[in-house]
Amino acid sequence: MTENAPEALADLLPDRHRSSPVLKFGLYIGFAMVAEMAVALIVINRVPALERFALARNAFFISCFFILALTPVCRFLASPVRMFSSTMIAWSIFVLGYDLAGLYFYRLFDALHHGPFVTLIEGGVLYGVCAVGAWVTEMVVHACRHSIAPGRRAARAAARSVR
């Protein structure tokens, strides 16, 4: 009887109390982006042995960051609202971590020429463009697969109501 307790409890809970994949994925990616940024800042500022390979080192960290940043876009490509929600959760967590990193690395914002607010706005615009692009693409694909012209019955019924 106790083995089935979690399933019975899950059936009693309404859908809004169950875990959301959008929230979970946004949280995971947000914390992964903060961790990647922290590792990159520590390696860039505290490991002088890698200074000879600065271009390759920076390219590696930038490509890892962009892969993490595009992961929610690819995961929720078929659902633009879920995509935008997940990406903004992740990006907000990243911006919070970026702001906290600016407290420790006091010239971080001057070196990157972007404060946390500007970074939040730029990410929101970029992810908004991705969501709108996915939505428009979905509408074009839907229009190509389905007939846009109304059927004959609908046209006759519309013509009768005009008279």
Protein backbone atom coordinates (compact mmCIF):
# COMPACT_ATOMS: atom_id res chain seq x y z
CA MET A 1 0.00 0.00 0.00
CA THR A 2 2.80 2.44 0.77
CA GLU A 3 4.52 1.65 -2.53
CA ASN A 4 1.68 3.31 -4.45
CA ALA A 5 1.51 6.38 -2.20
CA PRO A 6 3.52 8.71 -4.49
CA GLU A 7 1.38 7.81 -7.50
CA ALA A 8 -1.84 8.26 -5.51
CA LEU A 9 -0.65 11.62 -4.22
CA ALA A 10 0.34 12.70 -7.73
CA ASP A 11 -3.17 11.88 -8.94
CA LEU A 12 -4.71 14.05 -6.23
CA LEU A 13 -2.61 17.10 -6.97
CA PRO A 14 -3.87 19.49 -9.62
CA ASP A 15 -1.71 20.09 -12.70
CA ARG A 16 -0.48 23.45 -11.46
CA HIS A 17 1.24 21.83 -8.47
CA ARG A 18 3.22 19.36 -10.55
CA SER A 19 6.73 20.21 -11.61
CA SER A 20 7.03 22.25 -14.76
CA PRO A 21 9.62 21.24 -17.36
CA VAL A 22 9.93 24.90 -18.39
CA LEU A 23 10.83 25.97 -14.86
CA LYS A 24 13.14 23.01 -14.24
CA PHE A 25 14.99 23.42 -17.51
CA GLY A 26 15.30 27.18 -17.04
CA LEU A 27 16.71 26.71 -13.54
CA TYR A 28 19.17 24.02 -14.63
CA ILE A 29 20.44 26.02 -17.60
CA GLY A 30 20.59 29.24 -15.57
CA PHE A 31 22.74 27.67 -12.89
CA ALA A 32 24.87 25.94 -15.53
CA MET A 33 25.48 29.31 -17.21
CA VAL A 34 26.47 30.86 -13.88
CA ALA A 35 28.82 27.96 -13.15
CA GLU A 36 30.40 28.21 -16.59
CA MET A 37 30.86 31.96 -16.16
CA ALA A 38 32.45 31.45 -12.74
CA VAL A 39 34.87 28.84 -14.07
CA ALA A 40 35.74 31.08 -17.01
CA LEU A 41 36.38 34.10 -14.79
CA ILE A 42 38.54 32.09 -12.41
CA VAL A 43 40.57 30.50 -15.20
CA ILE A 44 40.98 33.79 -17.08
CA ASN A 45 42.00 35.79 -14.01
CA ARG A 46 43.78 33.28 -11.80
CA VAL A 47 45.59 30.83 -14.12
CA PRO A 48 48.50 32.70 -15.71
CA ALA A 49 49.85 29.53 -17.35
CA LEU A 50 47.02 29.67 -19.90
CA GLU A 51 47.75 33.27 -20.90
CA ARG A 52 49.74 32.02 -23.90
CA PHE A 53 46.58 30.38 -25.21
CA ALA A 54 44.28 33.33 -24.52
CA LEU A 55 42.51 33.25 -27.89
CA ALA A 56 41.81 29.50 -27.77
CA ARG A 57 40.86 29.67 -24.09
CA ASN A 58 38.40 32.52 -24.63
CA ALA A 59 36.96 30.88 -27.76
CA PHE A 60 36.39 27.68 -25.78
CA PHE A 61 34.56 29.45 -22.96
CA ILE A 62 32.49 31.57 -25.35
CA SER A 63 31.43 28.54 -27.38
CA CYS A 64 30.50 26.64 -24.20
CA PHE A 65 28.43 29.61 -23.06
CA PHE A 66 26.60 29.93 -26.38
CA ILE A 67 25.84 26.21 -26.43
CA LEU A 68 24.33 26.51 -22.96
CA ALA A 69 22.43 29.67 -23.92
CA LEU A 70 20.93 28.05 -27.03
CA THR A 71 19.96 24.80 -25.30
CA PRO A 72 16.51 26.06 -24.12
CA VAL A 73 15.86 27.48 -27.59
CA CYS A 74 16.46 24.07 -29.17
CA ARG A 75 14.61 22.21 -26.40
CA PHE A 76 11.38 24.21 -26.76
CA LEU A 77 11.59 25.07 -30.45
CA ALA A 78 8.06 23.81 -31.12
CA SER A 79 6.55 25.95 -28.37
CA PRO A 80 7.61 29.62 -28.52
CA VAL A 81 5.90 30.63 -25.26
CA ARG A 82 7.58 27.83 -23.34
CA MET A 83 10.86 28.68 -25.08
CA PHE A 84 10.70 32.32 -24.05
CA SER A 85 9.68 31.45 -20.49
CA SER A 86 12.48 28.94 -20.04
CA THR A 87 15.12 31.15 -21.61
CA MET A 88 14.15 34.17 -19.55
CA ILE A 89 14.28 32.14 -16.33
CA ALA A 90 17.76 30.94 -17.28
CA TRP A 91 18.89 34.38 -18.42
CA SER A 92 17.60 36.07 -15.25
CA ILE A 93 19.56 33.62 -13.10
CA PHE A 94 22.64 34.24 -15.24
CA VAL A 95 22.28 38.03 -14.89
CA LEU A 96 21.95 37.67 -11.13
CA GLY A 97 25.16 35.62 -11.09
CA TYR A 98 26.80 38.17 -13.39
CA ASP A 99 25.85 40.94 -10.99
CA LEU A 100 27.28 39.00 -8.05
CA ALA A 101 30.46 38.28 -10.01
CA GLY A 102 30.80 42.03 -10.54
CA LEU A 103 31.05 42.45 -6.77
CA TYR A 104 34.04 40.11 -6.61
CA PHE A 105 35.68 41.10 -9.91
CA TYR A 106 35.24 44.84 -9.43
CA ARG A 107 36.29 45.90 -12.97
CA LEU A 108 34.21 43.23 -14.74
CA PHE A 109 31.52 45.59 -16.01
CA ASP A 110 34.11 48.10 -17.24
CA ALA A 111 36.05 45.40 -19.07
CA LEU A 112 32.94 43.97 -20.76
CA HIS A 113 31.26 47.39 -21.29
CA HIS A 114 27.89 45.96 -20.15
CA GLY A 115 26.22 46.22 -16.79
CA PRO A 116 23.69 43.69 -15.51
CA PHE A 117 20.64 45.68 -16.62
CA VAL A 118 21.90 46.08 -20.18
CA THR A 119 22.78 42.39 -20.25
CA LEU A 120 19.27 41.48 -19.07
CA ILE A 121 17.66 43.64 -21.76
CA GLU A 122 19.95 42.32 -24.52
CA GLY A 123 19.21 38.71 -23.56
CA GLY A 124 15.47 39.39 -23.40
CA VAL A 125 15.49 40.97 -26.85
CA LEU A 126 17.60 38.17 -28.33
CA TYR A 127 15.44 35.43 -26.84
CA GLY A 128 12.30 37.33 -27.83
CA VAL A 129 13.49 37.43 -31.42
CA CYS A 130 14.16 33.67 -31.27
CA ALA A 131 10.66 33.02 -29.90
CA VAL A 132 8.99 35.22 -32.52
CA GLY A 133 11.07 33.59 -35.25
CA ALA A 134 9.98 30.14 -34.06
CA TRP A 135 6.36 31.28 -33.93
CA VAL A 136 6.46 32.76 -37.45
CA THR A 137 8.18 29.65 -38.79
CA GLU A 138 5.53 27.49 -37.14
CA MET A 139 2.76 29.58 -38.74
CA VAL A 140 4.38 29.40 -42.19
CA VAL A 141 4.78 25.63 -41.93
CA HIS A 142 1.16 25.33 -40.80
CA ALA A 143 -0.01 27.51 -43.70
CA CYS A 144 1.96 25.42 -46.19
CA ARG A 145 0.52 22.15 -44.90
CA HIS A 146 -3.11 23.21 -44.61
CA SER A 147 -5.46 24.89 -47.03
CA ILE A 148 -5.88 28.59 -46.39
CA ALA A 149 -8.88 29.09 -48.69
CA PRO A 150 -12.22 28.32 -47.04
CA GLY A 151 -14.34 25.48 -48.34
CA ARG A 152 -17.26 26.08 -50.69
CA ARG A 153 -19.90 25.60 -48.02
CA ALA A 154 -18.37 28.25 -45.83
CA ALA A 155 -18.21 30.67 -48.78
CA ARG A 156 -21.88 30.09 -49.65
CA ALA A 157 -22.95 30.54 -46.02
CA ALA A 158 -20.98 33.76 -45.79
CA ALA A 159 -22.51 35.03 -49.04
CA ARG A 160 -26.04 34.34 -47.74
CA SER A 161 -25.42 36.30 -44.55
CA VAL A 162 -24.21 39.32 -46.53
CA ARG A 163 -27.44 39.60 -48.55
